Every structure is written in C-alpha cells, then in structure tokens.
Amino acid sequence: MNFELTASMMCANYGNLEREVRELEAAGIDSFHIDIMDGRYVPNFAMSLNDMAYIASVSKKPLDVHLMIEHPNNNVHIFLEKLRKGDTVYIHPEAEYHPSTTLQKIIEAGMIPGIAINPGTSIETVYEMLRIVKKVLVMSVNPGNAGQMYLPYVGKKIDNLLQLKAEMNFKVYWDGACSADKIIKYAPKGMDGFVLGTTLLFGKNKSYEHTLREIRDMNM
C-alpha cells in the first residue's frame, strides 16, 4: 500500500536544522511540510520564509508549504520565488477574497496547487475549487499549534473527500494529531499521505529511520 509521509518541520529541533533534514532524508521521508503562520489568520507564529528557503536549498526532497496567512494573494510570490518547480503550496480558502486567483498564481509558477480545509470548513464551500487543486490538506485539528487533540467529526468529511478524489483528480492528505491508528484506518481507504509531527515522529527516543520503518510496516 502506497502512501506518502511528510515531516512537519515546525516540530523539528532548530538547534541543528541541517542535521534534522539530513537524518529525515536518510530515513526515507517523502517530503518536508513547512508551516508558515502570520499571527493573524492563526494565533501563532511558526516557520519563516528563510526557514523554508534554507530547507529548499539543502534538500532535493519536495516541500509542502502550508500558508496559514491572511490574504496570501498579496505575498504568495515571495514564497514562489524561493521554491522549486514541483513543490506544493497550500492556501486556506477562507483567508482570501478570491482564492482561485491565488491558486492560478501557484499553477503559473510551476507549483502544485492545494487547499487546506479547517475542521469547521465544509466540503460544499470549497467544492468548485476541488476541480482546480491537485492536493487537499484536511486539518483534523484547528490550525496554529502542534500537539492538539483530534476532532472526531472530521472523519466523515475525509470519507466524503475520498469518494470525490478520483472523479475530480486530487489527492487527500491528513494534517494534525496523526497517530498510528489513523494511518491504519485511513490509508486503506485511499488517503494519499500523512503529515507527521509530535504524535508519531518528533521527540521520540528512537531514530527517524526506525519510526518511519515502523509506520510503513503497519498491519493494515
């Protein structure tokens, strides 16, 4: 069974970011998830433009850039200029007056367009955008902080998205409180990837290689 594993780099050890990137690469991580927060759209500040650019410069692995910022259309070009063609950029539809305009800029820059759906956002409100994007990041927690509790009502939304993805040609990714039981349950249903943070990957007393091997060897 194929599914992608991406490391939530806001949870990494910033005392030696290059070592973290190298060890995750060697362990077999598929991509690096970059959370950009502006303190307005979400009540927190996380990674910076320079953090993102540094990881892009030292790794050939794809980046998944999650813009949790107000009006991304105003500043998305700054991020696009420092990324590589084929990297992914997610926006939150609620954060923009005309999100399809921002998505078009992402497409024209050669990036993979995505939207992130908050727990309180219904599929109906983003339905038309599902025909534009290539990836949908489903937030199973309210965005802004690591280590939050899973919101169980998100499960039905995920099931509905998985039914739509083949028809509308997008992939579905899980973000937030990603535990082993969630992967065991949703990978067989067709979830394309999982963002790994403090629940499974970071801050454990074992190597990244050991952790990722355990996840990929789970009995599903």
N, C-alpha and C. Protein backbone atom coordinates (compact mmCIF):
# COMPACT_ATOMS: atom_id res chain seq x y z
N MET A 1 0.84 -1.19 0.00
CA MET A 1 0.00 0.00 0.00
C MET A 1 0.88 1.24 0.00
N ASN A 2 0.65 2.13 -0.94
CA ASN A 2 1.49 3.32 -1.08
C ASN A 2 0.82 4.54 -0.46
N PHE A 3 1.53 5.20 0.44
CA PHE A 3 1.11 6.50 0.96
C PHE A 3 2.35 7.28 1.32
N GLU A 4 2.24 8.61 1.24
CA GLU A 4 3.38 9.47 1.49
C GLU A 4 3.44 9.88 2.96
N LEU A 5 4.68 10.04 3.44
CA LEU A 5 4.91 10.53 4.80
C LEU A 5 5.70 11.82 4.70
N THR A 6 5.17 12.87 5.29
CA THR A 6 5.84 14.18 5.24
C THR A 6 6.10 14.68 6.65
N ALA A 7 7.26 15.24 6.87
CA ALA A 7 7.67 15.67 8.21
C ALA A 7 7.25 17.11 8.46
N SER A 8 6.55 17.33 9.58
CA SER A 8 6.14 18.68 9.97
C SER A 8 7.32 19.38 10.61
N MET A 9 7.99 20.23 9.84
CA MET A 9 9.27 20.78 10.28
C MET A 9 9.15 21.84 11.37
N MET A 10 7.94 22.31 11.67
CA MET A 10 7.81 23.20 12.82
C MET A 10 8.08 22.47 14.13
N CYS A 11 8.07 21.12 14.06
CA CYS A 11 8.32 20.30 15.25
C CYS A 11 9.77 19.86 15.35
N ALA A 12 10.61 20.22 14.38
CA ALA A 12 11.99 19.77 14.34
C ALA A 12 12.84 20.49 15.39
N ASN A 13 14.03 19.97 15.61
CA ASN A 13 14.99 20.59 16.51
C ASN A 13 15.76 21.67 15.76
N TYR A 14 15.51 22.92 16.09
CA TYR A 14 16.14 24.02 15.37
C TYR A 14 17.56 24.30 15.87
N GLY A 15 18.02 23.54 16.85
CA GLY A 15 19.40 23.67 17.27
C GLY A 15 20.36 23.19 16.19
N ASN A 16 19.87 22.29 15.34
CA ASN A 16 20.68 21.84 14.20
C ASN A 16 19.72 21.41 13.09
N LEU A 17 19.20 22.38 12.38
CA LEU A 17 18.18 22.11 11.37
C LEU A 17 18.74 21.29 10.22
N GLU A 18 19.98 21.55 9.83
CA GLU A 18 20.55 20.77 8.72
C GLU A 18 20.63 19.29 9.08
N ARG A 19 21.05 18.98 10.29
CA ARG A 19 21.13 17.58 10.71
C ARG A 19 19.75 16.93 10.71
N GLU A 20 18.74 17.66 11.16
CA GLU A 20 17.39 17.13 11.13
C GLU A 20 16.96 16.78 9.70
N VAL A 21 17.24 17.69 8.77
CA VAL A 21 16.88 17.46 7.37
C VAL A 21 17.61 16.24 6.83
N ARG A 22 18.92 16.15 7.09
CA ARG A 22 19.72 15.04 6.58
C ARG A 22 19.24 13.71 7.16
N GLU A 23 18.95 13.67 8.46
CA GLU A 23 18.53 12.42 9.08
C GLU A 23 17.15 11.98 8.58
N LEU A 24 16.27 12.93 8.37
CA LEU A 24 14.95 12.59 7.84
C LEU A 24 15.06 12.09 6.40
N GLU A 25 15.91 12.73 5.62
CA GLU A 25 16.14 12.26 4.25
C GLU A 25 16.65 10.83 4.25
N ALA A 26 17.67 10.57 5.05
CA ALA A 26 18.26 9.24 5.11
C ALA A 26 17.27 8.19 5.61
N ALA A 27 16.33 8.62 6.46
CA ALA A 27 15.33 7.71 7.00
C ALA A 27 14.25 7.37 5.99
N GLY A 28 14.16 8.15 4.90
CA GLY A 28 13.18 7.85 3.87
C GLY A 28 11.94 8.71 3.88
N ILE A 29 12.00 9.90 4.50
CA ILE A 29 10.84 10.79 4.46
C ILE A 29 10.57 11.19 3.01
N ASP A 30 9.31 11.36 2.66
CA ASP A 30 8.95 11.67 1.28
C ASP A 30 9.02 13.17 0.97
N SER A 31 8.71 14.00 1.96
CA SER A 31 8.71 15.44 1.73
C SER A 31 8.77 16.16 3.07
N PHE A 32 8.98 17.48 2.99
CA PHE A 32 9.05 18.31 4.19
C PHE A 32 7.86 19.28 4.19
N HIS A 33 7.12 19.26 5.30
CA HIS A 33 5.94 20.11 5.46
C HIS A 33 6.35 21.38 6.18
N ILE A 34 6.11 22.53 5.54
CA ILE A 34 6.55 23.82 6.05
C ILE A 34 5.33 24.65 6.44
N ASP A 35 5.15 24.88 7.73
CA ASP A 35 4.00 25.66 8.23
C ASP A 35 4.41 27.13 8.38
N ILE A 36 3.80 27.99 7.59
CA ILE A 36 4.04 29.43 7.65
C ILE A 36 2.83 30.08 8.31
N MET A 37 3.02 30.74 9.45
CA MET A 37 1.92 31.36 10.19
C MET A 37 2.22 32.84 10.41
N ASP A 38 1.19 33.67 10.31
CA ASP A 38 1.40 35.12 10.40
C ASP A 38 0.91 35.75 11.69
N GLY A 39 0.39 34.94 12.63
CA GLY A 39 -0.12 35.51 13.87
C GLY A 39 -1.44 36.22 13.73
N ARG A 40 -2.04 36.16 12.55
CA ARG A 40 -3.33 36.80 12.30
C ARG A 40 -4.37 35.77 11.86
N TYR A 41 -4.07 35.05 10.79
CA TYR A 41 -5.01 34.01 10.38
C TYR A 41 -5.10 32.90 11.43
N VAL A 42 -3.96 32.59 12.06
CA VAL A 42 -3.93 31.68 13.20
C VAL A 42 -3.22 32.40 14.35
N PRO A 43 -3.54 32.05 15.60
CA PRO A 43 -2.96 32.78 16.73
C PRO A 43 -1.57 32.28 17.11
N ASN A 44 -0.68 32.21 16.14
CA ASN A 44 0.66 31.72 16.42
C ASN A 44 1.59 32.17 15.28
N PHE A 45 2.88 32.19 15.56
CA PHE A 45 3.89 32.37 14.53
C PHE A 45 4.68 31.07 14.46
N ALA A 46 4.97 30.60 13.27
CA ALA A 46 5.74 29.36 13.14
C ALA A 46 6.94 29.60 12.26
N MET A 47 7.08 28.87 11.18
CA MET A 47 8.27 28.93 10.37
C MET A 47 8.31 30.21 9.53
N SER A 48 9.50 30.55 9.10
CA SER A 48 9.68 31.79 8.35
C SER A 48 9.98 31.48 6.89
N LEU A 49 9.96 32.54 6.09
CA LEU A 49 10.37 32.43 4.69
C LEU A 49 11.79 31.91 4.59
N ASN A 50 12.67 32.36 5.47
CA ASN A 50 14.07 31.93 5.43
C ASN A 50 14.23 30.46 5.83
N ASP A 51 13.44 30.00 6.79
CA ASP A 51 13.46 28.57 7.14
C ASP A 51 13.11 27.72 5.92
N MET A 52 12.04 28.12 5.24
CA MET A 52 11.58 27.41 4.06
C MET A 52 12.66 27.40 2.98
N ALA A 53 13.25 28.56 2.71
CA ALA A 53 14.27 28.67 1.67
C ALA A 53 15.50 27.85 2.01
N TYR A 54 15.85 27.81 3.30
CA TYR A 54 17.03 27.03 3.70
C TYR A 54 16.80 25.54 3.44
N ILE A 55 15.65 25.02 3.84
CA ILE A 55 15.37 23.60 3.62
C ILE A 55 15.32 23.29 2.13
N ALA A 56 14.77 24.20 1.34
CA ALA A 56 14.74 24.01 -0.11
C ALA A 56 16.16 23.97 -0.69
N SER A 57 17.09 24.68 -0.06
CA SER A 57 18.45 24.76 -0.59
C SER A 57 19.30 23.55 -0.22
N VAL A 58 18.96 22.86 0.87
CA VAL A 58 19.80 21.74 1.32
C VAL A 58 19.20 20.38 1.05
N SER A 59 18.00 20.33 0.54
CA SER A 59 17.36 19.04 0.26
C SER A 59 16.73 19.04 -1.13
N LYS A 60 16.80 17.89 -1.78
CA LYS A 60 16.13 17.71 -3.06
C LYS A 60 14.72 17.16 -2.89
N LYS A 61 14.36 16.83 -1.66
CA LYS A 61 13.02 16.32 -1.41
C LYS A 61 11.99 17.43 -1.64
N PRO A 62 10.78 17.08 -2.07
CA PRO A 62 9.74 18.10 -2.27
C PRO A 62 9.38 18.80 -0.97
N LEU A 63 8.94 20.05 -1.11
CA LEU A 63 8.41 20.81 0.01
C LEU A 63 6.91 20.96 -0.14
N ASP A 64 6.20 20.83 0.98
CA ASP A 64 4.77 21.10 1.06
C ASP A 64 4.61 22.33 1.93
N VAL A 65 4.35 23.46 1.31
CA VAL A 65 4.30 24.73 2.04
C VAL A 65 2.85 25.07 2.37
N HIS A 66 2.57 25.17 3.65
CA HIS A 66 1.21 25.39 4.15
C HIS A 66 1.12 26.83 4.64
N LEU A 67 0.49 27.68 3.83
CA LEU A 67 0.39 29.10 4.14
C LEU A 67 -0.83 29.37 5.02
N MET A 68 -0.60 29.54 6.30
CA MET A 68 -1.65 29.93 7.24
C MET A 68 -1.54 31.42 7.46
N ILE A 69 -1.84 32.18 6.41
CA ILE A 69 -1.68 33.63 6.44
C ILE A 69 -2.91 34.30 5.81
N GLU A 70 -3.18 35.52 6.25
CA GLU A 70 -4.29 36.28 5.67
C GLU A 70 -3.90 36.80 4.28
N HIS A 71 -4.86 36.79 3.38
CA HIS A 71 -4.70 37.32 2.03
C HIS A 71 -3.39 36.86 1.38
N PRO A 72 -3.22 35.57 1.20
CA PRO A 72 -1.97 35.07 0.61
C PRO A 72 -1.69 35.61 -0.78
N ASN A 73 -2.72 36.05 -1.50
CA ASN A 73 -2.51 36.58 -2.84
C ASN A 73 -1.55 37.78 -2.84
N ASN A 74 -1.51 38.52 -1.72
CA ASN A 74 -0.65 39.71 -1.64
C ASN A 74 0.83 39.35 -1.61
N ASN A 75 1.15 38.17 -1.04
CA ASN A 75 2.56 37.85 -0.79
C ASN A 75 3.00 36.49 -1.31
N VAL A 76 2.13 35.76 -1.97
CA VAL A 76 2.49 34.39 -2.37
C VAL A 76 3.70 34.39 -3.30
N HIS A 77 3.89 35.45 -4.07
CA HIS A 77 5.03 35.49 -5.00
C HIS A 77 6.36 35.41 -4.27
N ILE A 78 6.43 35.93 -3.05
CA ILE A 78 7.68 35.89 -2.28
C ILE A 78 8.07 34.44 -2.00
N PHE A 79 7.09 33.62 -1.70
CA PHE A 79 7.36 32.21 -1.42
C PHE A 79 7.65 31.45 -2.71
N LEU A 80 6.90 31.74 -3.74
CA LEU A 80 7.08 31.03 -5.01
C LEU A 80 8.47 31.25 -5.59
N GLU A 81 9.03 32.43 -5.38
CA GLU A 81 10.36 32.74 -5.91
C GLU A 81 11.47 31.91 -5.29
N LYS A 82 11.23 31.39 -4.07
CA LYS A 82 12.26 30.64 -3.36
C LYS A 82 12.03 29.13 -3.38
N LEU A 83 10.98 28.69 -4.07
CA LEU A 83 10.68 27.27 -4.17
C LEU A 83 11.16 26.70 -5.49
N ARG A 84 11.08 25.37 -5.61
CA ARG A 84 11.45 24.68 -6.84
C ARG A 84 10.18 24.24 -7.56
N LYS A 85 10.23 24.18 -8.87
CA LYS A 85 9.07 23.69 -9.61
C LYS A 85 8.71 22.29 -9.13
N GLY A 86 7.44 22.07 -8.89
CA GLY A 86 7.00 20.78 -8.39
C GLY A 86 6.75 20.75 -6.90
N ASP A 87 7.18 21.79 -6.17
CA ASP A 87 6.82 21.89 -4.76
C ASP A 87 5.32 22.21 -4.65
N THR A 88 4.75 21.94 -3.49
CA THR A 88 3.33 22.17 -3.26
C THR A 88 3.12 23.41 -2.41
N VAL A 89 2.09 24.19 -2.74
CA VAL A 89 1.70 25.34 -1.91
C VAL A 89 0.22 25.22 -1.60
N TYR A 90 -0.10 25.15 -0.31
CA TYR A 90 -1.48 25.12 0.17
C TYR A 90 -1.90 26.50 0.66
N ILE A 91 -3.11 26.91 0.34
CA ILE A 91 -3.70 28.10 0.94
C ILE A 91 -5.00 27.70 1.64
N HIS A 92 -5.45 28.56 2.54
CA HIS A 92 -6.76 28.38 3.17
C HIS A 92 -7.76 29.25 2.42
N PRO A 93 -8.80 28.66 1.84
CA PRO A 93 -9.76 29.45 1.05
C PRO A 93 -10.38 30.61 1.83
N GLU A 94 -10.60 30.41 3.14
CA GLU A 94 -11.24 31.46 3.94
C GLU A 94 -10.36 32.70 4.10
N ALA A 95 -9.05 32.53 3.84
CA ALA A 95 -8.11 33.62 4.08
C ALA A 95 -8.00 34.59 2.91
N GLU A 96 -8.76 34.33 1.84
CA GLU A 96 -8.63 35.12 0.62
C GLU A 96 -9.98 35.48 0.05
N TYR A 97 -10.10 36.68 -0.52
CA TYR A 97 -11.36 37.07 -1.16
C TYR A 97 -11.62 36.23 -2.40
N HIS A 98 -10.59 36.01 -3.21
CA HIS A 98 -10.72 35.25 -4.45
C HIS A 98 -9.63 34.18 -4.49
N PRO A 99 -9.82 33.09 -3.77
CA PRO A 99 -8.76 32.08 -3.67
C PRO A 99 -8.35 31.48 -5.00
N SER A 100 -9.26 31.42 -5.97
CA SER A 100 -8.90 30.83 -7.27
C SER A 100 -7.82 31.67 -7.97
N THR A 101 -7.78 32.99 -7.72
CA THR A 101 -6.74 33.84 -8.29
C THR A 101 -5.37 33.46 -7.73
N THR A 102 -5.32 33.23 -6.43
CA THR A 102 -4.07 32.82 -5.79
C THR A 102 -3.63 31.45 -6.29
N LEU A 103 -4.57 30.54 -6.42
CA LEU A 103 -4.25 29.20 -6.92
C LEU A 103 -3.69 29.28 -8.34
N GLN A 104 -4.22 30.19 -9.15
CA GLN A 104 -3.72 30.33 -10.51
C GLN A 104 -2.27 30.82 -10.52
N LYS A 105 -1.92 31.70 -9.60
CA LYS A 105 -0.53 32.14 -9.50
C LYS A 105 0.39 30.98 -9.15
N ILE A 106 -0.08 30.11 -8.28
CA ILE A 106 0.71 28.93 -7.88
C ILE A 106 0.91 28.02 -9.08
N ILE A 107 -0.14 27.81 -9.85
CA ILE A 107 -0.06 26.96 -11.04
C ILE A 107 0.90 27.56 -12.07
N GLU A 108 0.78 28.85 -12.31
CA GLU A 108 1.62 29.51 -13.32
C GLU A 108 3.10 29.49 -12.95
N ALA A 109 3.39 29.40 -11.64
CA ALA A 109 4.77 29.34 -11.18
C ALA A 109 5.35 27.93 -11.28
N GLY A 110 4.54 26.97 -11.70
CA GLY A 110 5.01 25.59 -11.84
C GLY A 110 4.93 24.78 -10.57
N MET A 111 4.16 25.27 -9.59
CA MET A 111 3.98 24.55 -8.33
C MET A 111 2.68 23.74 -8.35
N ILE A 112 2.56 22.86 -7.39
CA ILE A 112 1.34 22.06 -7.24
C ILE A 112 0.37 22.83 -6.36
N PRO A 113 -0.83 23.16 -6.86
CA PRO A 113 -1.78 23.94 -6.07
C PRO A 113 -2.57 23.07 -5.09
N GLY A 114 -2.73 23.58 -3.87
CA GLY A 114 -3.50 22.85 -2.88
C GLY A 114 -4.31 23.78 -2.01
N ILE A 115 -5.34 23.22 -1.38
CA ILE A 115 -6.09 23.95 -0.37
C ILE A 115 -6.06 23.16 0.92
N ALA A 116 -6.06 23.88 2.04
CA ALA A 116 -6.16 23.29 3.36
C ALA A 116 -7.56 23.55 3.89
N ILE A 117 -8.19 22.51 4.42
CA ILE A 117 -9.58 22.61 4.88
C ILE A 117 -9.60 22.49 6.39
N ASN A 118 -10.03 23.54 7.07
CA ASN A 118 -10.15 23.53 8.52
C ASN A 118 -11.25 22.59 8.99
N PRO A 119 -11.21 22.16 10.26
CA PRO A 119 -12.27 21.29 10.77
C PRO A 119 -13.68 21.86 10.57
N GLY A 120 -13.83 23.19 10.70
CA GLY A 120 -15.14 23.81 10.56
C GLY A 120 -15.53 24.19 9.15
N THR A 121 -14.68 23.86 8.17
CA THR A 121 -14.97 24.20 6.77
C THR A 121 -15.64 23.01 6.09
N SER A 122 -16.78 23.25 5.48
CA SER A 122 -17.50 22.16 4.82
C SER A 122 -16.98 21.95 3.40
N ILE A 123 -17.15 20.75 2.90
CA ILE A 123 -16.76 20.46 1.52
C ILE A 123 -17.55 21.32 0.55
N GLU A 124 -18.80 21.57 0.86
CA GLU A 124 -19.66 22.34 -0.04
C GLU A 124 -19.10 23.73 -0.33
N THR A 125 -18.45 24.34 0.65
CA THR A 125 -17.96 25.71 0.46
C THR A 125 -16.70 25.76 -0.41
N VAL A 126 -16.04 24.61 -0.61
CA VAL A 126 -14.82 24.59 -1.43
C VAL A 126 -14.98 23.69 -2.66
N TYR A 127 -16.20 23.23 -2.90
CA TYR A 127 -16.44 22.21 -3.92
C TYR A 127 -15.87 22.61 -5.29
N GLU A 128 -16.11 23.83 -5.74
CA GLU A 128 -15.64 24.23 -7.07
C GLU A 128 -14.12 24.25 -7.15
N MET A 129 -13.46 24.60 -6.04
CA MET A 129 -12.00 24.63 -6.05
C MET A 129 -11.39 23.24 -6.16
N LEU A 130 -12.15 22.21 -5.80
CA LEU A 130 -11.64 20.85 -5.90
C LEU A 130 -11.34 20.48 -7.34
N ARG A 131 -11.91 21.21 -8.29
CA ARG A 131 -11.63 20.96 -9.71
C ARG A 131 -10.34 21.65 -10.16
N ILE A 132 -9.83 22.56 -9.35
CA ILE A 132 -8.62 23.31 -9.69
C ILE A 132 -7.38 22.70 -9.03
N VAL A 133 -7.52 22.31 -7.78
CA VAL A 133 -6.35 21.90 -7.00
C VAL A 133 -5.95 20.46 -7.30
N LYS A 134 -4.71 20.15 -6.94
CA LYS A 134 -4.20 18.78 -7.07
C LYS A 134 -4.07 18.08 -5.72
N LYS A 135 -4.09 18.88 -4.65
CA LYS A 135 -3.98 18.30 -3.31
C LYS A 135 -4.94 19.01 -2.35
N VAL A 136 -5.51 18.22 -1.43
CA VAL A 136 -6.36 18.76 -0.36
C VAL A 136 -5.77 18.31 0.97
N LEU A 137 -5.42 19.28 1.80
CA LEU A 137 -4.87 19.01 3.12
C LEU A 137 -6.01 19.14 4.13
N VAL A 138 -6.38 18.03 4.74
CA VAL A 138 -7.50 18.04 5.69
C VAL A 138 -6.97 18.22 7.09
N MET A 139 -7.36 19.32 7.72
CA MET A 139 -6.95 19.58 9.10
C MET A 139 -7.86 18.81 10.05
N SER A 140 -7.25 17.92 10.83
CA SER A 140 -8.03 17.17 11.82
C SER A 140 -8.00 17.86 13.18
N VAL A 141 -7.31 18.99 13.24
CA VAL A 141 -7.28 19.86 14.43
C VAL A 141 -7.41 21.29 13.92
N ASN A 142 -7.74 22.20 14.81
CA ASN A 142 -7.75 23.61 14.41
C ASN A 142 -6.32 24.06 14.18
N PRO A 143 -6.05 24.78 13.09
CA PRO A 143 -4.67 25.10 12.75
C PRO A 143 -4.05 26.11 13.70
N GLY A 144 -2.72 26.01 13.82
CA GLY A 144 -2.00 27.02 14.59
C GLY A 144 -1.02 26.50 15.61
N ASN A 145 -1.25 25.28 16.13
CA ASN A 145 -0.37 24.74 17.16
C ASN A 145 -0.20 23.24 17.00
N ALA A 146 1.00 22.75 17.32
CA ALA A 146 1.24 21.31 17.33
C ALA A 146 0.70 20.72 18.64
N GLY A 147 0.50 19.39 18.63
CA GLY A 147 0.12 18.68 19.84
C GLY A 147 -1.32 18.79 20.25
N GLN A 148 -2.22 19.16 19.34
CA GLN A 148 -3.64 19.28 19.68
C GLN A 148 -4.35 17.93 19.58
N MET A 149 -5.56 17.88 20.12
CA MET A 149 -6.37 16.67 20.11
C MET A 149 -7.14 16.56 18.80
N TYR A 150 -7.27 15.34 18.31
CA TYR A 150 -8.03 15.05 17.10
C TYR A 150 -9.51 15.37 17.30
N LEU A 151 -10.12 15.98 16.28
CA LEU A 151 -11.55 16.30 16.32
C LEU A 151 -12.29 15.24 15.51
N PRO A 152 -13.00 14.32 16.17
CA PRO A 152 -13.52 13.13 15.50
C PRO A 152 -14.53 13.40 14.40
N TYR A 153 -15.23 14.54 14.42
CA TYR A 153 -16.22 14.80 13.38
C TYR A 153 -15.58 15.03 12.01
N VAL A 154 -14.25 15.20 11.97
CA VAL A 154 -13.56 15.39 10.70
C VAL A 154 -13.57 14.09 9.88
N GLY A 155 -13.72 12.95 10.53
CA GLY A 155 -13.66 11.67 9.85
C GLY A 155 -14.67 11.53 8.73
N LYS A 156 -15.88 12.00 8.93
CA LYS A 156 -16.90 11.91 7.89
C LYS A 156 -16.52 12.76 6.69
N LYS A 157 -15.96 13.93 6.94
CA LYS A 157 -15.52 14.80 5.85
C LYS A 157 -14.45 14.10 5.01
N ILE A 158 -13.51 13.43 5.69
CA ILE A 158 -12.46 12.72 4.97
C ILE A 158 -13.06 11.62 4.10
N ASP A 159 -14.00 10.88 4.64
CA ASP A 159 -14.65 9.82 3.86
C ASP A 159 -15.30 10.40 2.60
N ASN A 160 -15.95 11.55 2.74
CA ASN A 160 -16.60 12.17 1.59
C ASN A 160 -15.59 12.65 0.55
N LEU A 161 -14.47 13.21 1.01
CA LEU A 161 -13.43 13.65 0.08
C LEU A 161 -12.82 12.47 -0.66
N LEU A 162 -12.63 11.37 0.03
CA LEU A 162 -12.05 10.19 -0.61
C LEU A 162 -12.97 9.64 -1.70
N GLN A 163 -14.26 9.84 -1.55
CA GLN A 163 -15.20 9.41 -2.59
C GLN A 163 -15.14 10.33 -3.81
N LEU A 164 -14.74 11.59 -3.60
CA LEU A 164 -14.70 12.57 -4.69
C LEU A 164 -13.38 12.61 -5.43
N LYS A 165 -12.31 12.11 -4.83
CA LYS A 165 -10.97 12.41 -5.34
C LYS A 165 -10.71 11.81 -6.72
N ALA A 166 -11.20 10.63 -7.00
CA ALA A 166 -10.96 10.05 -8.32
C ALA A 166 -11.69 10.82 -9.41
N GLU A 167 -12.93 11.22 -9.11
CA GLU A 167 -13.74 11.96 -10.09
C GLU A 167 -13.12 13.33 -10.39
N MET A 168 -12.56 13.98 -9.36
CA MET A 168 -12.11 15.36 -9.51
C MET A 168 -10.58 15.49 -9.58
N ASN A 169 -9.89 14.36 -9.51
CA ASN A 169 -8.44 14.31 -9.76
C ASN A 169 -7.63 15.13 -8.76
N PHE A 170 -7.83 14.88 -7.47
CA PHE A 170 -6.96 15.47 -6.45
C PHE A 170 -6.55 14.38 -5.46
N LYS A 171 -5.51 14.67 -4.68
CA LYS A 171 -5.05 13.76 -3.63
C LYS A 171 -5.44 14.33 -2.27
N VAL A 172 -5.57 13.45 -1.28
CA VAL A 172 -6.01 13.85 0.05
C VAL A 172 -4.92 13.54 1.07
N TYR A 173 -4.60 14.54 1.90
CA TYR A 173 -3.55 14.40 2.90
C TYR A 173 -4.10 14.77 4.29
N TRP A 174 -3.59 14.06 5.29
CA TRP A 174 -4.02 14.25 6.68
C TRP A 174 -3.02 15.15 7.39
N ASP A 175 -3.51 16.15 8.14
CA ASP A 175 -2.62 17.02 8.91
C ASP A 175 -3.22 17.25 10.29
N GLY A 176 -2.45 16.88 11.33
CA GLY A 176 -2.87 17.14 12.71
C GLY A 176 -3.17 15.88 13.49
N ALA A 177 -2.50 15.73 14.66
CA ALA A 177 -2.77 14.61 15.56
C ALA A 177 -2.76 13.27 14.83
N CYS A 178 -1.75 13.08 13.99
CA CYS A 178 -1.68 11.88 13.16
C CYS A 178 -1.06 10.74 13.97
N SER A 179 -1.89 9.87 14.50
CA SER A 179 -1.44 8.73 15.29
C SER A 179 -1.48 7.47 14.43
N ALA A 180 -0.91 6.38 14.96
CA ALA A 180 -0.83 5.13 14.20
C ALA A 180 -2.20 4.61 13.82
N ASP A 181 -3.17 4.73 14.74
CA ASP A 181 -4.50 4.20 14.44
C ASP A 181 -5.17 4.94 13.28
N LYS A 182 -4.84 6.24 13.12
CA LYS A 182 -5.42 6.99 12.00
C LYS A 182 -4.85 6.50 10.66
N ILE A 183 -3.55 6.22 10.65
CA ILE A 183 -2.94 5.71 9.42
C ILE A 183 -3.49 4.33 9.09
N ILE A 184 -3.59 3.49 10.09
CA ILE A 184 -4.11 2.13 9.88
C ILE A 184 -5.54 2.17 9.34
N LYS A 185 -6.33 3.14 9.80
CA LYS A 185 -7.72 3.22 9.37
C LYS A 185 -7.88 3.85 8.00
N TYR A 186 -7.14 4.93 7.74
CA TYR A 186 -7.43 5.73 6.54
C TYR A 186 -6.53 5.43 5.35
N ALA A 187 -5.36 4.88 5.55
CA ALA A 187 -4.53 4.52 4.39
C ALA A 187 -5.23 3.50 3.49
N PRO A 188 -5.84 2.45 4.05
CA PRO A 188 -6.54 1.51 3.18
C PRO A 188 -7.75 2.11 2.47
N LYS A 189 -8.30 3.19 3.01
CA LYS A 189 -9.44 3.85 2.37
C LYS A 189 -9.02 4.71 1.18
N GLY A 190 -7.71 4.98 1.06
CA GLY A 190 -7.23 5.77 -0.07
C GLY A 190 -6.60 7.10 0.29
N MET A 191 -6.34 7.35 1.57
CA MET A 191 -5.63 8.57 1.95
C MET A 191 -4.24 8.54 1.32
N ASP A 192 -3.85 9.62 0.68
CA ASP A 192 -2.60 9.64 -0.08
C ASP A 192 -1.37 9.95 0.75
N GLY A 193 -1.55 10.62 1.87
CA GLY A 193 -0.38 10.94 2.67
C GLY A 193 -0.75 11.48 4.04
N PHE A 194 0.26 11.53 4.92
CA PHE A 194 0.06 11.94 6.31
C PHE A 194 1.20 12.85 6.74
N VAL A 195 0.84 13.96 7.38
CA VAL A 195 1.84 14.86 7.96
C VAL A 195 2.16 14.38 9.36
N LEU A 196 3.43 14.11 9.62
CA LEU A 196 3.87 13.55 10.90
C LEU A 196 4.50 14.63 11.76
N GLY A 197 4.00 14.76 12.99
CA GLY A 197 4.53 15.75 13.92
C GLY A 197 4.95 15.10 15.23
N THR A 198 4.53 15.70 16.34
CA THR A 198 4.96 15.22 17.65
C THR A 198 4.25 13.94 18.07
N THR A 199 3.10 13.64 17.46
CA THR A 199 2.37 12.43 17.85
C THR A 199 3.14 11.16 17.49
N LEU A 200 3.79 11.14 16.32
CA LEU A 200 4.45 9.92 15.88
C LEU A 200 5.95 10.06 15.61
N LEU A 201 6.39 11.24 15.17
CA LEU A 201 7.74 11.32 14.62
C LEU A 201 8.75 12.03 15.50
N PHE A 202 8.44 13.24 15.94
CA PHE A 202 9.43 14.07 16.63
C PHE A 202 9.38 13.88 18.14
N GLY A 203 10.55 14.02 18.78
CA GLY A 203 10.62 13.95 20.23
C GLY A 203 10.52 12.56 20.81
N LYS A 204 10.82 11.55 20.00
CA LYS A 204 10.75 10.15 20.46
C LYS A 204 12.17 9.65 20.74
N ASN A 205 12.25 8.62 21.56
CA ASN A 205 13.56 8.06 21.91
C ASN A 205 13.96 6.95 20.94
N LYS A 206 13.83 7.24 19.65
CA LYS A 206 14.26 6.29 18.63
C LYS A 206 14.55 7.07 17.36
N SER A 207 15.28 6.46 16.47
CA SER A 207 15.71 7.16 15.27
C SER A 207 14.53 7.37 14.32
N TYR A 208 14.68 8.38 13.45
CA TYR A 208 13.66 8.61 12.43
C TYR A 208 13.53 7.39 11.52
N GLU A 209 14.66 6.76 11.22
CA GLU A 209 14.62 5.58 10.35
C GLU A 209 13.76 4.48 10.97
N HIS A 210 13.96 4.24 12.25
CA HIS A 210 13.18 3.21 12.95
C HIS A 210 11.70 3.56 12.96
N THR A 211 11.39 4.83 13.25
CA THR A 211 9.99 5.27 13.31
C THR A 211 9.30 5.12 11.96
N LEU A 212 9.95 5.59 10.89
CA LEU A 212 9.34 5.53 9.57
C LEU A 212 9.18 4.09 9.10
N ARG A 213 10.14 3.24 9.44
CA ARG A 213 10.01 1.83 9.07
C ARG A 213 8.83 1.20 9.79
N GLU A 214 8.66 1.52 11.06
CA GLU A 214 7.51 1.01 11.81
C GLU A 214 6.18 1.43 11.17
N ILE A 215 6.11 2.69 10.76
CA ILE A 215 4.87 3.19 10.17
C ILE A 215 4.58 2.48 8.85
N ARG A 216 5.59 2.34 8.02
CA ARG A 216 5.38 1.70 6.72
C ARG A 216 5.09 0.21 6.84
N ASP A 217 5.51 -0.40 7.95
CA ASP A 217 5.28 -1.83 8.15
C ASP A 217 4.02 -2.13 8.94
N MET A 218 3.22 -1.10 9.22
CA MET A 218 2.00 -1.31 9.99
C MET A 218 1.09 -2.31 9.29
N ASN A 219 0.41 -3.12 10.08
CA ASN A 219 -0.52 -4.12 9.54
C ASN A 219 -1.86 -3.46 9.24
N MET A 220 -2.18 -3.31 7.95
CA MET A 220 -3.40 -2.59 7.55
C MET A 220 -4.37 -3.51 6.85
